[in-house]
Structures are given as C-alpha cells and as structure tokens.
C-alpha atoms as a PDB file:
ATOM      1  CA  MET A   1      26.268  21.982 -50.007  1.00  0.00           C
ATOM      2  CA  GLN A   2      28.119  19.997 -47.429  1.00  0.00           C
ATOM      3  CA  THR A   3      26.861  22.267 -44.647  1.00  0.00           C
ATOM      4  CA  ILE A   4      23.265  21.635 -45.765  1.00  0.00           C
ATOM      5  CA  LYS A   5      23.886  17.862 -45.527  1.00  0.00           C
ATOM      6  CA  CYS A   6      25.441  18.312 -42.089  1.00  0.00           C
ATOM      7  CA  LYS A   7      22.474  20.383 -40.932  1.00  0.00           C
ATOM      8  CA  LYS A   8      20.046  17.740 -42.268  1.00  0.00           C
ATOM      9  CA  ARG A   9      21.975  14.971 -40.500  1.00  0.00           C
ATOM     10  CA  LEU A  10      22.055  16.986 -37.309  1.00  0.00           C
ATOM     11  CA  LEU A  11      18.314  17.662 -37.572  1.00  0.00           C
ATOM     12  CA  VAL A  12      17.565  13.961 -38.250  1.00  0.00           C
ATOM     13  CA  GLY A  13      19.813  12.970 -35.331  1.00  0.00           C
ATOM     14  CA  ILE A  14      18.039  15.406 -33.004  1.00  0.00           C
ATOM     15  CA  LEU A  15      14.616  14.139 -34.148  1.00  0.00           C
ATOM     16  CA  VAL A  16      15.658  10.490 -33.601  1.00  0.00           C
ATOM     17  CA  LEU A  17      17.052  11.363 -30.176  1.00  0.00           C
ATOM     18  CA  LEU A  18      13.849  13.255 -29.338  1.00  0.00           C
ATOM     19  CA  MET A  19      11.679  10.289 -30.427  1.00  0.00           C
ATOM     20  CA  ILE A  20      13.750   7.872 -28.346  1.00  0.00           C
ATOM     21  CA  THR A  21      13.435  10.198 -25.352  1.00  0.00           C
ATOM     22  CA  VAL A  22       9.640  10.427 -25.769  1.00  0.00           C
ATOM     23  CA  ILE A  23       9.364   6.623 -26.002  1.00  0.00           C
ATOM     24  CA  ILE A  24      11.522   6.131 -22.900  1.00  0.00           C
ATOM     25  CA  ILE A  25       9.502   8.698 -20.920  1.00  0.00           C
ATOM     26  CA  GLY A  26       6.263   6.991 -22.021  1.00  0.00           C
ATOM     27  CA  LEU A  27       7.582   3.602 -20.884  1.00  0.00           C
ATOM     28  CA  ILE A  28       8.687   5.041 -17.537  1.00  0.00           C
ATOM     29  CA  ILE A  29       5.218   6.503 -16.966  1.00  0.00           C
ATOM     30  CA  LEU A  30       3.560   3.168 -17.803  1.00  0.00           C
ATOM     31  CA  ILE A  31       5.948   1.247 -15.548  1.00  0.00           C
ATOM     32  CA  ASN A  32       5.355   3.682 -12.690  1.00  0.00           C
ATOM     33  CA  LYS A  33       1.564   3.339 -12.986  1.00  0.00           C
ATOM     34  CA  HIS A  34       1.836  -0.451 -13.008  1.00  0.00           C
ATOM     35  CA  ASP A  35       4.309  -0.357 -10.127  1.00  0.00           C
ATOM     36  CA  GLU A  36       2.021   1.912  -8.103  1.00  0.00           C
ATOM     37  CA  LYS A  37      -0.941  -0.428  -8.621  1.00  0.00           C
ATOM     38  CA  TYR A  38       1.224  -3.391  -7.607  1.00  0.00           C
ATOM     39  CA  TRP A  39       2.371  -1.779  -4.362  1.00  0.00           C
ATOM     40  CA  GLU A  40      -1.134  -0.579  -3.567  1.00  0.00           C
ATOM     41  CA  SER A  41      -2.247  -4.193  -3.699  1.00  0.00           C
ATOM     42  CA  GLN A  42       0.723  -5.547  -1.738  1.00  0.00           C
ATOM     43  CA  GLY A  43      -0.293  -5.124   1.854  1.00  0.00           C
ATOM     44  CA  SER A  44      -1.701  -1.634   1.761  1.00  0.00           C
ATOM     45  CA  ALA A  45      -5.281  -2.697   1.067  1.00  0.00           C
ATOM     46  CA  TRP A  46      -5.894  -2.084   4.780  1.00  0.00           C
ATOM     47  CA  LYS A  47      -5.482   1.660   4.156  1.00  0.00           C
ATOM     48  CA  LYS A  48      -8.684   1.523   2.107  1.00  0.00           C
ATOM     49  CA  ASP A  49     -10.278  -0.066   5.194  1.00  0.00           C
ATOM     50  CA  CYS A  50      -9.232   2.976   7.234  1.00  0.00           C
ATOM     51  CA  THR A  51     -10.764   5.335   4.699  1.00  0.00           C
ATOM     52  CA  PHE A  52     -13.967   3.294   4.542  1.00  0.00           C
ATOM     53  CA  LEU A  53     -14.263   3.056   8.346  1.00  0.00           C
ATOM     54  CA  GLY A  54     -13.464   6.758   8.798  1.00  0.00           C
ATOM     55  CA  ILE A  55     -10.193   6.164  10.656  1.00  0.00           C
ATOM     56  CA  THR A  56      -7.902   9.156  10.226  1.00  0.00           C
ATOM     57  CA  ASP A  57      -4.964   8.003  12.368  1.00  0.00           C
ATOM     58  CA  ILE A  58      -3.902   5.104  10.147  1.00  0.00           C
ATOM     59  CA  ASP A  59      -0.569   4.706  11.961  1.00  0.00           C
ATOM     60  CA  ASN A  60      -2.462   3.482  15.031  1.00  0.00           C
ATOM     61  CA  PHE A  61      -4.936   1.290  13.123  1.00  0.00           C
ATOM     62  CA  ASP A  62      -5.202  -2.032  14.950  1.00  0.00           C
ATOM     63  CA  PRO A  63      -7.608  -4.476  13.295  1.00  0.00           C
ATOM     64  CA  GLU A  64      -7.722  -6.678  16.413  1.00  0.00           C
ATOM     65  CA  LYS A  65      -9.208  -3.813  18.435  1.00  0.00           C
ATOM     66  CA  LEU A  66     -11.919  -3.387  15.798  1.00  0.00           C
ATOM     67  CA  GLU A  67     -12.714  -7.078  15.434  1.00  0.00           C
ATOM     68  CA  SER A  68     -16.486  -7.385  15.196  1.00  0.00           C
ATOM     69  CA  LYS A  69     -18.377  -8.435  18.326  1.00  0.00           C
ATOM     70  CA  ASP A  70     -21.518  -8.971  16.232  1.00  0.00           C
ATOM     71  CA  ARG A  71     -21.520 -12.776  16.091  1.00  0.00           C
ATOM     72  CA  LYS A  72     -24.402 -12.810  13.612  1.00  0.00           C
ATOM     73  CA  LEU A  73     -22.462 -10.539  11.227  1.00  0.00           C
ATOM     74  CA  VAL A  74     -19.362 -12.730  11.449  1.00  0.00           C
ATOM     75  CA  ASP A  75     -21.319 -15.971  10.963  1.00  0.00           C
ATOM     76  CA  THR A  76     -23.386 -14.588   8.066  1.00  0.00           C
ATOM     77  CA  SER A  77     -20.260 -13.183   6.378  1.00  0.00           C
ATOM     78  CA  LEU A  78     -18.624 -16.588   6.618  1.00  0.00           C
ATOM     79  CA  GLU A  79     -21.802 -18.197   5.280  1.00  0.00           C
ATOM     80  CA  LEU A  80     -21.725 -15.803   2.295  1.00  0.00           C
ATOM     81  CA  LEU A  81     -18.160 -16.787   1.437  1.00  0.00           C
ATOM     82  CA  GLN A  82     -18.867 -20.490   1.880  1.00  0.00           C
ATOM     83  CA  ASP A  83     -21.933 -20.263  -0.382  1.00  0.00           C
ATOM     84  CA  VAL A  84     -19.791 -18.551  -3.022  1.00  0.00           C
ATOM     85  CA  LEU A  85     -17.211 -21.345  -2.717  1.00  0.00           C
ATOM     86  CA  LYS A  86     -19.926 -23.978  -3.175  1.00  0.00           C
ATOM     87  CA  ASN A  87     -21.460 -21.974  -6.043  1.00  0.00           C
ATOM     88  CA  GLU A  88     -24.759 -21.873  -4.178  1.00  0.00           C
ATOM     89  CA  GLY A  89     -27.172 -18.994  -3.951  1.00  0.00           C
ATOM     90  CA  PHE A  90     -26.799 -16.839  -0.861  1.00  0.00           C
ATOM     91  CA  ASN A  91     -30.074 -16.102   0.906  1.00  0.00           C
ATOM     92  CA  SER A  92     -29.919 -13.952   3.982  1.00  0.00           C
ATOM     93  CA  THR A  93     -32.037 -11.266   5.527  1.00  0.00           C
ATOM     94  CA  TYR A  94     -29.047  -9.963   7.481  1.00  0.00           C
ATOM     95  CA  ILE A  95     -26.624  -9.247   4.597  1.00  0.00           C
ATOM     96  CA  THR A  96     -27.806  -7.975   1.231  1.00  0.00           C
ATOM     97  CA  VAL A  97     -25.559  -8.554  -1.755  1.00  0.00           C
ATOM     98  CA  ASP A  98     -26.380  -8.216  -5.446  1.00  0.00           C
ATOM     99  CA  LYS A  99     -25.622 -10.770  -8.166  1.00  0.00           C
ATOM    100  CA  GLU A 100     -22.774  -8.738  -9.720  1.00  0.00           C
ATOM    101  CA  GLN A 101     -20.969  -8.531  -6.388  1.00  0.00           C
ATOM    102  CA  ILE A 102     -21.417 -12.276  -5.861  1.00  0.00           C
ATOM    103  CA  GLU A 103     -19.887 -12.892  -9.299  1.00  0.00           C
ATOM    104  CA  HIS A 104     -16.959 -10.630  -8.391  1.00  0.00           C
ATOM    105  CA  LEU A 105     -16.301 -12.913  -5.400  1.00  0.00           C
ATOM    106  CA  ASN A 106     -15.692 -15.895  -7.720  1.00  0.00           C
ATOM    107  CA  PRO A 107     -13.100 -18.160  -6.041  1.00  0.00           C
ATOM    108  CA  ASP A 108     -11.718 -19.549  -9.328  1.00  0.00           C
ATOM    109  CA  SER A 109     -10.550 -23.069  -8.495  1.00  0.00           C
ATOM    110  CA  CYS A 110     -10.191 -22.588  -4.741  1.00  0.00           C
ATOM    111  CA  LYS A 111     -12.338 -24.610  -2.367  1.00  0.00           C
ATOM    112  CA  TYR A 112     -11.504 -23.241   1.069  1.00  0.00           C
ATOM    113  CA  ILE A 113     -11.053 -20.105   3.125  1.00  0.00           C
ATOM    114  CA  ASN A 114      -7.721 -19.921   4.917  1.00  0.00           C
ATOM    115  CA  ALA A 115      -7.863 -16.326   6.147  1.00  0.00           C
ATOM    116  CA  PHE A 116     -10.936 -14.598   7.546  1.00  0.00           C
ATOM    117  CA  MET A 117     -11.735 -11.692   9.830  1.00  0.00           C
ATOM    118  CA  VAL A 118     -14.466  -9.092  10.222  1.00  0.00           C
ATOM    119  CA  VAL A 119     -13.595  -5.633  11.534  1.00  0.00           C
ATOM    120  CA  GLN A 120     -16.324  -3.190  12.427  1.00  0.00           C
ATOM    121  CA  LYS A 121     -16.681   0.420  13.432  1.00  0.00           C
ATOM    122  CA  ASP A 122     -20.205   1.561  14.197  1.00  0.00           C
ATOM    123  CA  ASP A 123     -22.388   0.923  11.138  1.00  0.00           C
ATOM    124  CA  LYS A 124     -19.543  -0.062   8.805  1.00  0.00           C
ATOM    125  CA  ALA A 125     -17.721  -3.373   8.556  1.00  0.00           C
ATOM    126  CA  VAL A 126     -14.992  -4.950   6.439  1.00  0.00           C
ATOM    127  CA  VAL A 127     -14.915  -8.680   5.783  1.00  0.00           C
ATOM    128  CA  THR A 128     -11.319  -9.652   5.068  1.00  0.00           C
ATOM    129  CA  PHE A 129     -10.614 -13.067   3.561  1.00  0.00           C
ATOM    130  CA  ARG A 130      -8.490 -15.228   1.297  1.00  0.00           C
ATOM    131  CA  TYR A 131      -9.553 -18.224  -0.751  1.00  0.00           C
ATOM    132  CA  SER A 132      -7.194 -21.170  -0.886  1.00  0.00           C
ATOM    133  CA  GLY A 133      -6.759 -24.681  -2.153  1.00  0.00           C
ATOM    134  CA  GLU A 134      -5.663 -25.738   1.326  1.00  0.00           C
ATOM    135  CA  GLU A 135      -8.205 -26.513   4.000  1.00  0.00           C
ATOM    136  CA  ALA A 136      -8.010 -24.611   7.281  1.00  0.00           C
ATOM    137  CA  LYS A 137     -10.178 -24.457  10.380  1.00  0.00           C
ATOM    138  CA  ILE A 138     -11.944 -21.147  10.861  1.00  0.00           C
ATOM    139  CA  GLU A 139     -10.006 -20.477  14.075  1.00  0.00           C
ATOM    140  CA  GLU A 140      -6.751 -20.892  12.118  1.00  0.00           C
ATOM    141  CA  ALA A 141      -8.091 -18.701   9.298  1.00  0.00           C
ATOM    142  CA  VAL A 142      -8.922 -15.933  11.784  1.00  0.00           C
ATOM    143  CA  GLU A 143      -5.497 -16.211  13.417  1.00  0.00           C
ATOM    144  CA  THR A 144      -3.770 -16.088  10.021  1.00  0.00           C
ATOM    145  CA  CYS A 145      -5.667 -12.931   9.159  1.00  0.00           C
ATOM    146  CA  ARG A 146      -4.896 -11.309  12.524  1.00  0.00           C
ATOM    147  CA  ARG A 147      -1.162 -11.935  12.105  1.00  0.00           C
ATOM    148  CA  SER A 148      -0.904 -10.558   8.581  1.00  0.00           C
ATOM    149  CA  TYR A 149      -3.840  -8.147   8.187  1.00  0.00           C
ATOM    150  CA  LYS A 150      -1.586  -5.204   7.392  1.00  0.00           C
ATOM    151  CA  THR A 151       1.055  -7.069   5.388  1.00  0.00           C
ATOM    152  CA  TYR A 152      -0.932  -9.281   3.009  1.00  0.00           C
ATOM    153  CA  PRO A 153      -3.230  -7.985   0.247  1.00  0.00           C
ATOM    154  CA  TYR A 154      -6.424  -9.775   1.293  1.00  0.00           C
ATOM    155  CA  ASP A 155      -9.729  -9.707  -0.537  1.00  0.00           C
ATOM    156  CA  LYS A 156     -12.361  -7.458   1.067  1.00  0.00           C
ATOM    157  CA  ILE A 157     -16.104  -7.003   1.290  1.00  0.00           C
ATOM    158  CA  TYR A 158     -17.228  -3.576   2.488  1.00  0.00           C
ATOM    159  CA  LEU A 159     -20.541  -3.493   4.359  1.00  0.00           C
ATOM    160  CA  VAL A 160     -22.759  -0.672   5.608  1.00  0.00           C
ATOM    161  CA  LYS A 161     -25.641  -1.197   8.031  1.00  0.00           C
ATOM    162  CA  LYS A 162     -28.915   0.263   6.772  1.00  0.00           C
ATOM    163  CA  ASP A 163     -32.237  -0.337   8.503  1.00  0.00           C
ATOM    164  CA  SER A 164     -30.881  -3.235  10.616  1.00  0.00           C
ATOM    165  CA  LYS A 165     -29.484  -4.971   7.491  1.00  0.00           C
ATOM    166  CA  TRP A 166     -25.918  -5.093   6.271  1.00  0.00           C
ATOM    167  CA  VAL A 167     -25.594  -4.052   2.629  1.00  0.00           C
ATOM    168  CA  VAL A 168     -22.533  -4.831   0.511  1.00  0.00           C
ATOM    169  CA  GLU A 169     -21.203  -1.487  -0.704  1.00  0.00           C
ATOM    170  CA  ASP A 170     -18.082  -2.729  -2.483  1.00  0.00           C
ATOM    171  CA  VAL A 171     -15.965  -5.789  -3.144  1.00  0.00           C
ATOM    172  CA  PHE A 172     -12.180  -5.609  -3.489  1.00  0.00           C
ATOM    173  CA  ARG A 173     -10.242  -8.517  -4.959  1.00  0.00           C
ATOM    174  CA  ALA A 174      -6.499  -8.239  -4.405  1.00  0.00           C
ATOM    175  CA  ALA A 175      -5.558 -10.536  -7.254  1.00  0.00           C
END
C-alpha cells in the first residue's frame, strides 16, 4: 500500500517537473523570438537594404558610395516625408506611393526629420530617415544618417523605378 502511494507521489512529482520544464522551454522560445526581433531592429536594418539592392558582399557595404546622385529623387523623397509630417497629401509624378503606405509613415507626434539619406543602385533606392521632435537642417540630417547608417535602426522606404517613375515597394518602420 505504501509502495503504491510512493509510486503515485513519484509520478505526480515527475508530471509536475515535466510541466515546469515545458513552461520554461516555452518561455525561452518566446524570449528568443522577441530578442531576435529586437536585435534585427537594432542597427541591422541596413542588411535588408543589401538584400533589396542585390548586394551580396554585405561586409563591404558602404552607404556613402551608393548615395543617390539623382537630385530629383532625393528632393522628391524629402518632399514626401515633409508632406507626411505636415499631414498633407503627397502629389508627385516622380514617386508613386499608395494611401496605406503613407499611413504607415505616420510620424506620431514628431514634427521634423533629423536623419535622412537616399542610397541607390541602378533602378532601386532606399530612403533612410528618422522623425524627431528636434529641428535639424537637412545637411545635418544627412550627415547624421551617414555617420550612423549601419548602427541605428532607421525607418526606410524601398523604391523601384518602373517606366521612369519611382514606385514605393515597401515601408519599414524601426519602432
């Protein structure tokens, strides 16, 4: 009789230990997924740029070398962001963006852009930016972005040129 009680206690103990182990493993998996998403957003957003631009040697990726020479693209990209900040409609024949993507660019309570840069490779471009509550001149915003392109998780707009127009393919918000 006593051996049956001991076996039941042992079985209950093993089941409790097994349940605790399953719960701990589940928590570890959840923490790892969250941790992975966090680190993907902390400075490695530029790796998505490499994939998008078709750059295979990411160790030698230098955003300054790919800085867009297309002045109209840079100016229109900046105009898009400024129109979003002012909550105005964006009308351009050079960049096409749909309403959902504009809504995804919502600046919350920010009023300025303090980091900005456009990198381009052939018919693909990435507009990198950060909204802020602090005012900055565009030259300073570009310099800020150059210095920390690969270390700060900036927001991104991915563009593809189709029929002499730039079309927004995707929008990435780091926060």
